[in-house]
Amino acid sequence: MDLDGIAAELLKRKMSFAELMSMPEIEGWVYSDGRSYVCSCYVAGLWKAAGLFGDNYIEATEFTPKDVYQINFFDKKHESCAQNDPE
């Protein structure tokens, strides 16, 4: 949609532009070129499919690279980790 089309759709849905911009991207939305996952979302989606989040509900498409590298799934004190990165 162009800007006029977006404005018309927002009026029809009684939404503000701010509400539109704050909507989370829902995992599974299909775009004209297919599903869209950037690297961090793809990793979070793999973790979700593997069950690492347990019963917690997450939207993989909302993960940022910072979220992925700061998540605490891994044993950082594991022997091989300490050998490769003592700090």
N, C-alpha and C. Protein backbone atom coordinates (compact mmCIF):
# COMPACT_ATOMS: atom_id res chain seq x y z
N MET A 1 0.83 -1.20 0.00
CA MET A 1 0.00 0.00 0.00
C MET A 1 0.87 1.25 0.00
N ASP A 2 0.35 2.27 -0.63
CA ASP A 2 1.01 3.56 -0.50
C ASP A 2 0.49 4.24 0.76
N LEU A 3 1.00 5.42 1.07
CA LEU A 3 0.63 6.11 2.31
C LEU A 3 -0.86 6.41 2.37
N ASP A 4 -1.46 6.79 1.24
CA ASP A 4 -2.91 7.05 1.23
C ASP A 4 -3.69 5.78 1.54
N GLY A 5 -3.26 4.67 0.98
CA GLY A 5 -3.93 3.39 1.24
C GLY A 5 -3.82 2.97 2.69
N ILE A 6 -2.64 3.21 3.26
CA ILE A 6 -2.43 2.88 4.68
C ILE A 6 -3.33 3.76 5.55
N ALA A 7 -3.40 5.04 5.24
CA ALA A 7 -4.25 5.96 6.02
C ALA A 7 -5.71 5.53 5.93
N ALA A 8 -6.17 5.15 4.75
CA ALA A 8 -7.56 4.72 4.58
C ALA A 8 -7.82 3.45 5.38
N GLU A 9 -6.89 2.51 5.35
CA GLU A 9 -7.05 1.26 6.10
C GLU A 9 -7.06 1.51 7.61
N LEU A 10 -6.21 2.43 8.07
CA LEU A 10 -6.19 2.77 9.48
C LEU A 10 -7.52 3.39 9.92
N LEU A 11 -8.07 4.27 9.10
CA LEU A 11 -9.38 4.85 9.42
C LEU A 11 -10.45 3.78 9.49
N LYS A 12 -10.43 2.87 8.54
CA LYS A 12 -11.42 1.79 8.51
C LYS A 12 -11.32 0.92 9.77
N ARG A 13 -10.10 0.71 10.24
CA ARG A 13 -9.89 -0.14 11.43
C ARG A 13 -9.90 0.65 12.74
N LYS A 14 -10.09 1.99 12.63
CA LYS A 14 -10.09 2.86 13.81
C LYS A 14 -8.79 2.71 14.60
N MET A 15 -7.68 2.75 13.87
CA MET A 15 -6.35 2.64 14.46
C MET A 15 -5.54 3.88 14.16
N SER A 16 -4.62 4.19 15.06
CA SER A 16 -3.69 5.29 14.80
C SER A 16 -2.43 4.72 14.12
N PHE A 17 -1.64 5.61 13.55
CA PHE A 17 -0.39 5.19 12.94
C PHE A 17 0.55 4.63 14.00
N ALA A 18 0.53 5.23 15.20
CA ALA A 18 1.36 4.74 16.32
C ALA A 18 0.97 3.31 16.69
N GLU A 19 -0.33 3.02 16.71
CA GLU A 19 -0.78 1.66 17.02
C GLU A 19 -0.30 0.67 15.95
N LEU A 20 -0.36 1.10 14.70
CA LEU A 20 0.12 0.25 13.61
C LEU A 20 1.61 -0.06 13.79
N MET A 21 2.40 0.96 14.08
CA MET A 21 3.84 0.78 14.20
C MET A 21 4.23 -0.04 15.43
N SER A 22 3.38 -0.09 16.44
CA SER A 22 3.70 -0.84 17.65
C SER A 22 3.21 -2.28 17.61
N MET A 23 2.52 -2.65 16.53
CA MET A 23 2.05 -4.04 16.41
C MET A 23 3.23 -4.99 16.26
N PRO A 24 3.28 -6.05 17.06
CA PRO A 24 4.37 -7.02 16.87
C PRO A 24 4.14 -7.81 15.58
N GLU A 25 5.24 -8.18 14.95
CA GLU A 25 5.14 -9.02 13.77
C GLU A 25 4.81 -10.43 14.24
N ILE A 26 3.77 -11.01 13.68
CA ILE A 26 3.32 -12.33 14.10
C ILE A 26 4.05 -13.39 13.29
N GLU A 27 4.64 -14.34 14.01
CA GLU A 27 5.33 -15.44 13.35
C GLU A 27 4.33 -16.18 12.46
N GLY A 28 4.72 -16.45 11.24
CA GLY A 28 3.84 -17.16 10.33
C GLY A 28 3.19 -16.26 9.29
N TRP A 29 3.30 -14.93 9.46
CA TRP A 29 2.78 -14.04 8.42
C TRP A 29 3.52 -14.35 7.12
N VAL A 30 2.79 -14.42 6.03
CA VAL A 30 3.39 -14.70 4.74
C VAL A 30 3.30 -13.43 3.90
N TYR A 31 4.45 -13.00 3.41
CA TYR A 31 4.55 -11.79 2.60
C TYR A 31 4.57 -12.17 1.13
N SER A 32 4.61 -11.19 0.27
CA SER A 32 4.58 -11.45 -1.17
C SER A 32 5.76 -12.31 -1.62
N ASP A 33 6.87 -12.26 -0.87
CA ASP A 33 8.03 -13.08 -1.22
C ASP A 33 8.22 -14.26 -0.26
N GLY A 34 7.17 -14.59 0.50
CA GLY A 34 7.22 -15.72 1.42
C GLY A 34 7.37 -15.28 2.86
N ARG A 35 7.71 -16.22 3.73
CA ARG A 35 7.93 -15.89 5.14
C ARG A 35 9.23 -15.12 5.27
N SER A 36 9.31 -14.29 6.28
CA SER A 36 10.47 -13.42 6.42
C SER A 36 11.10 -13.60 7.79
N TYR A 37 12.32 -14.09 7.81
CA TYR A 37 13.07 -14.23 9.05
C TYR A 37 14.47 -13.64 8.85
N VAL A 38 14.83 -12.65 9.65
CA VAL A 38 16.21 -12.21 9.66
C VAL A 38 16.97 -13.19 10.56
N CYS A 39 18.27 -13.10 10.58
CA CYS A 39 19.09 -14.12 11.25
C CYS A 39 18.68 -14.38 12.70
N SER A 40 18.48 -13.34 13.49
CA SER A 40 18.15 -13.53 14.90
C SER A 40 16.78 -14.19 15.07
N CYS A 41 15.84 -13.84 14.21
CA CYS A 41 14.51 -14.44 14.27
C CYS A 41 14.56 -15.91 13.87
N TYR A 42 15.39 -16.20 12.90
CA TYR A 42 15.54 -17.58 12.44
C TYR A 42 16.11 -18.45 13.57
N VAL A 43 17.13 -17.95 14.26
CA VAL A 43 17.72 -18.69 15.38
C VAL A 43 16.69 -18.89 16.48
N ALA A 44 15.95 -17.84 16.83
CA ALA A 44 14.93 -17.95 17.87
C ALA A 44 13.85 -18.94 17.45
N GLY A 45 13.50 -18.95 16.15
CA GLY A 45 12.52 -19.91 15.65
C GLY A 45 13.01 -21.35 15.77
N LEU A 46 14.29 -21.56 15.50
CA LEU A 46 14.88 -22.90 15.67
C LEU A 46 14.84 -23.33 17.13
N TRP A 47 15.23 -22.42 18.02
CA TRP A 47 15.19 -22.72 19.44
C TRP A 47 13.76 -23.02 19.90
N LYS A 48 12.82 -22.26 19.39
CA LYS A 48 11.41 -22.47 19.74
C LYS A 48 10.96 -23.85 19.27
N ALA A 49 11.29 -24.21 18.03
CA ALA A 49 10.92 -25.51 17.49
C ALA A 49 11.58 -26.65 18.26
N ALA A 50 12.78 -26.39 18.80
CA ALA A 50 13.49 -27.41 19.58
C ALA A 50 12.97 -27.52 21.01
N GLY A 51 12.08 -26.60 21.41
CA GLY A 51 11.49 -26.66 22.74
C GLY A 51 12.28 -25.98 23.82
N LEU A 52 13.28 -25.17 23.47
CA LEU A 52 14.11 -24.53 24.49
C LEU A 52 13.35 -23.51 25.34
N PHE A 53 12.24 -23.00 24.85
CA PHE A 53 11.47 -22.01 25.61
C PHE A 53 10.42 -22.67 26.50
N GLY A 54 10.32 -23.99 26.41
CA GLY A 54 9.33 -24.70 27.22
C GLY A 54 7.92 -24.25 26.91
N ASP A 55 7.16 -23.97 27.94
CA ASP A 55 5.77 -23.54 27.78
C ASP A 55 5.63 -22.03 27.58
N ASN A 56 6.73 -21.31 27.60
CA ASN A 56 6.68 -19.86 27.42
C ASN A 56 6.32 -19.51 25.98
N TYR A 57 5.40 -18.58 25.82
CA TYR A 57 4.99 -18.15 24.48
C TYR A 57 5.93 -17.06 24.00
N ILE A 58 6.53 -17.25 22.84
CA ILE A 58 7.38 -16.22 22.25
C ILE A 58 7.03 -16.05 20.79
N GLU A 59 7.31 -14.89 20.26
CA GLU A 59 7.24 -14.62 18.83
C GLU A 59 8.68 -14.54 18.35
N ALA A 60 9.14 -15.52 17.64
CA ALA A 60 10.53 -15.54 17.17
C ALA A 60 10.85 -14.32 16.33
N THR A 61 9.87 -13.82 15.62
CA THR A 61 10.09 -12.67 14.73
C THR A 61 10.36 -11.37 15.50
N GLU A 62 10.18 -11.38 16.80
CA GLU A 62 10.43 -10.19 17.60
C GLU A 62 11.83 -10.20 18.23
N PHE A 63 12.61 -11.26 18.00
CA PHE A 63 13.94 -11.34 18.59
C PHE A 63 14.92 -10.48 17.80
N THR A 64 15.81 -9.82 18.54
CA THR A 64 16.87 -9.02 17.94
C THR A 64 18.19 -9.78 18.10
N PRO A 65 19.22 -9.39 17.36
CA PRO A 65 20.53 -10.04 17.57
C PRO A 65 20.97 -9.96 19.04
N LYS A 66 20.73 -8.83 19.70
CA LYS A 66 21.12 -8.70 21.11
C LYS A 66 20.38 -9.72 21.98
N ASP A 67 19.09 -9.93 21.70
CA ASP A 67 18.33 -10.94 22.45
C ASP A 67 18.97 -12.32 22.31
N VAL A 68 19.38 -12.65 21.10
CA VAL A 68 19.94 -13.97 20.82
C VAL A 68 21.26 -14.17 21.57
N TYR A 69 22.15 -13.17 21.53
CA TYR A 69 23.45 -13.42 22.18
C TYR A 69 23.40 -13.22 23.69
N GLN A 70 22.34 -12.59 24.21
CA GLN A 70 22.26 -12.41 25.66
C GLN A 70 21.42 -13.48 26.36
N ILE A 71 20.71 -14.29 25.59
CA ILE A 71 19.86 -15.31 26.21
C ILE A 71 20.74 -16.32 26.94
N ASN A 72 20.26 -16.85 28.02
CA ASN A 72 21.09 -17.68 28.88
C ASN A 72 20.69 -19.16 28.77
N PHE A 73 20.81 -19.73 27.58
CA PHE A 73 20.50 -21.15 27.36
C PHE A 73 21.71 -22.05 27.58
N PHE A 74 22.89 -21.50 27.53
CA PHE A 74 24.08 -22.32 27.46
C PHE A 74 24.91 -22.23 28.73
N ASP A 75 25.56 -23.31 29.06
CA ASP A 75 26.42 -23.39 30.23
C ASP A 75 27.76 -22.72 29.89
N LYS A 76 27.93 -21.49 30.33
CA LYS A 76 29.13 -20.73 30.00
C LYS A 76 30.35 -21.21 30.78
N LYS A 77 30.14 -22.03 31.78
CA LYS A 77 31.26 -22.55 32.56
C LYS A 77 31.71 -23.91 32.05
N HIS A 78 31.09 -24.39 30.98
CA HIS A 78 31.48 -25.67 30.40
C HIS A 78 32.96 -25.63 30.04
N GLU A 79 33.63 -26.73 30.24
CA GLU A 79 35.08 -26.80 30.06
C GLU A 79 35.55 -26.23 28.72
N SER A 80 34.90 -26.60 27.61
CA SER A 80 35.37 -26.12 26.30
C SER A 80 35.14 -24.62 26.14
N CYS A 81 34.09 -24.08 26.74
CA CYS A 81 33.87 -22.64 26.68
C CYS A 81 34.97 -21.90 27.41
N ALA A 82 35.30 -22.35 28.60
CA ALA A 82 36.33 -21.70 29.40
C ALA A 82 37.69 -21.77 28.72
N GLN A 83 37.97 -22.89 28.05
CA GLN A 83 39.26 -23.02 27.35
C GLN A 83 39.34 -22.06 26.16
N ASN A 84 38.24 -21.91 25.44
CA ASN A 84 38.24 -21.07 24.24
C ASN A 84 38.09 -19.58 24.55
N ASP A 85 37.51 -19.26 25.70
CA ASP A 85 37.31 -17.86 26.05
C ASP A 85 37.38 -17.71 27.56
N PRO A 86 38.59 -17.68 28.11
CA PRO A 86 38.75 -17.64 29.57
C PRO A 86 38.10 -16.44 30.25
N GLU A 87 37.93 -15.36 29.52
CA GLU A 87 37.33 -14.15 30.11
C GLU A 87 35.84 -14.32 30.24
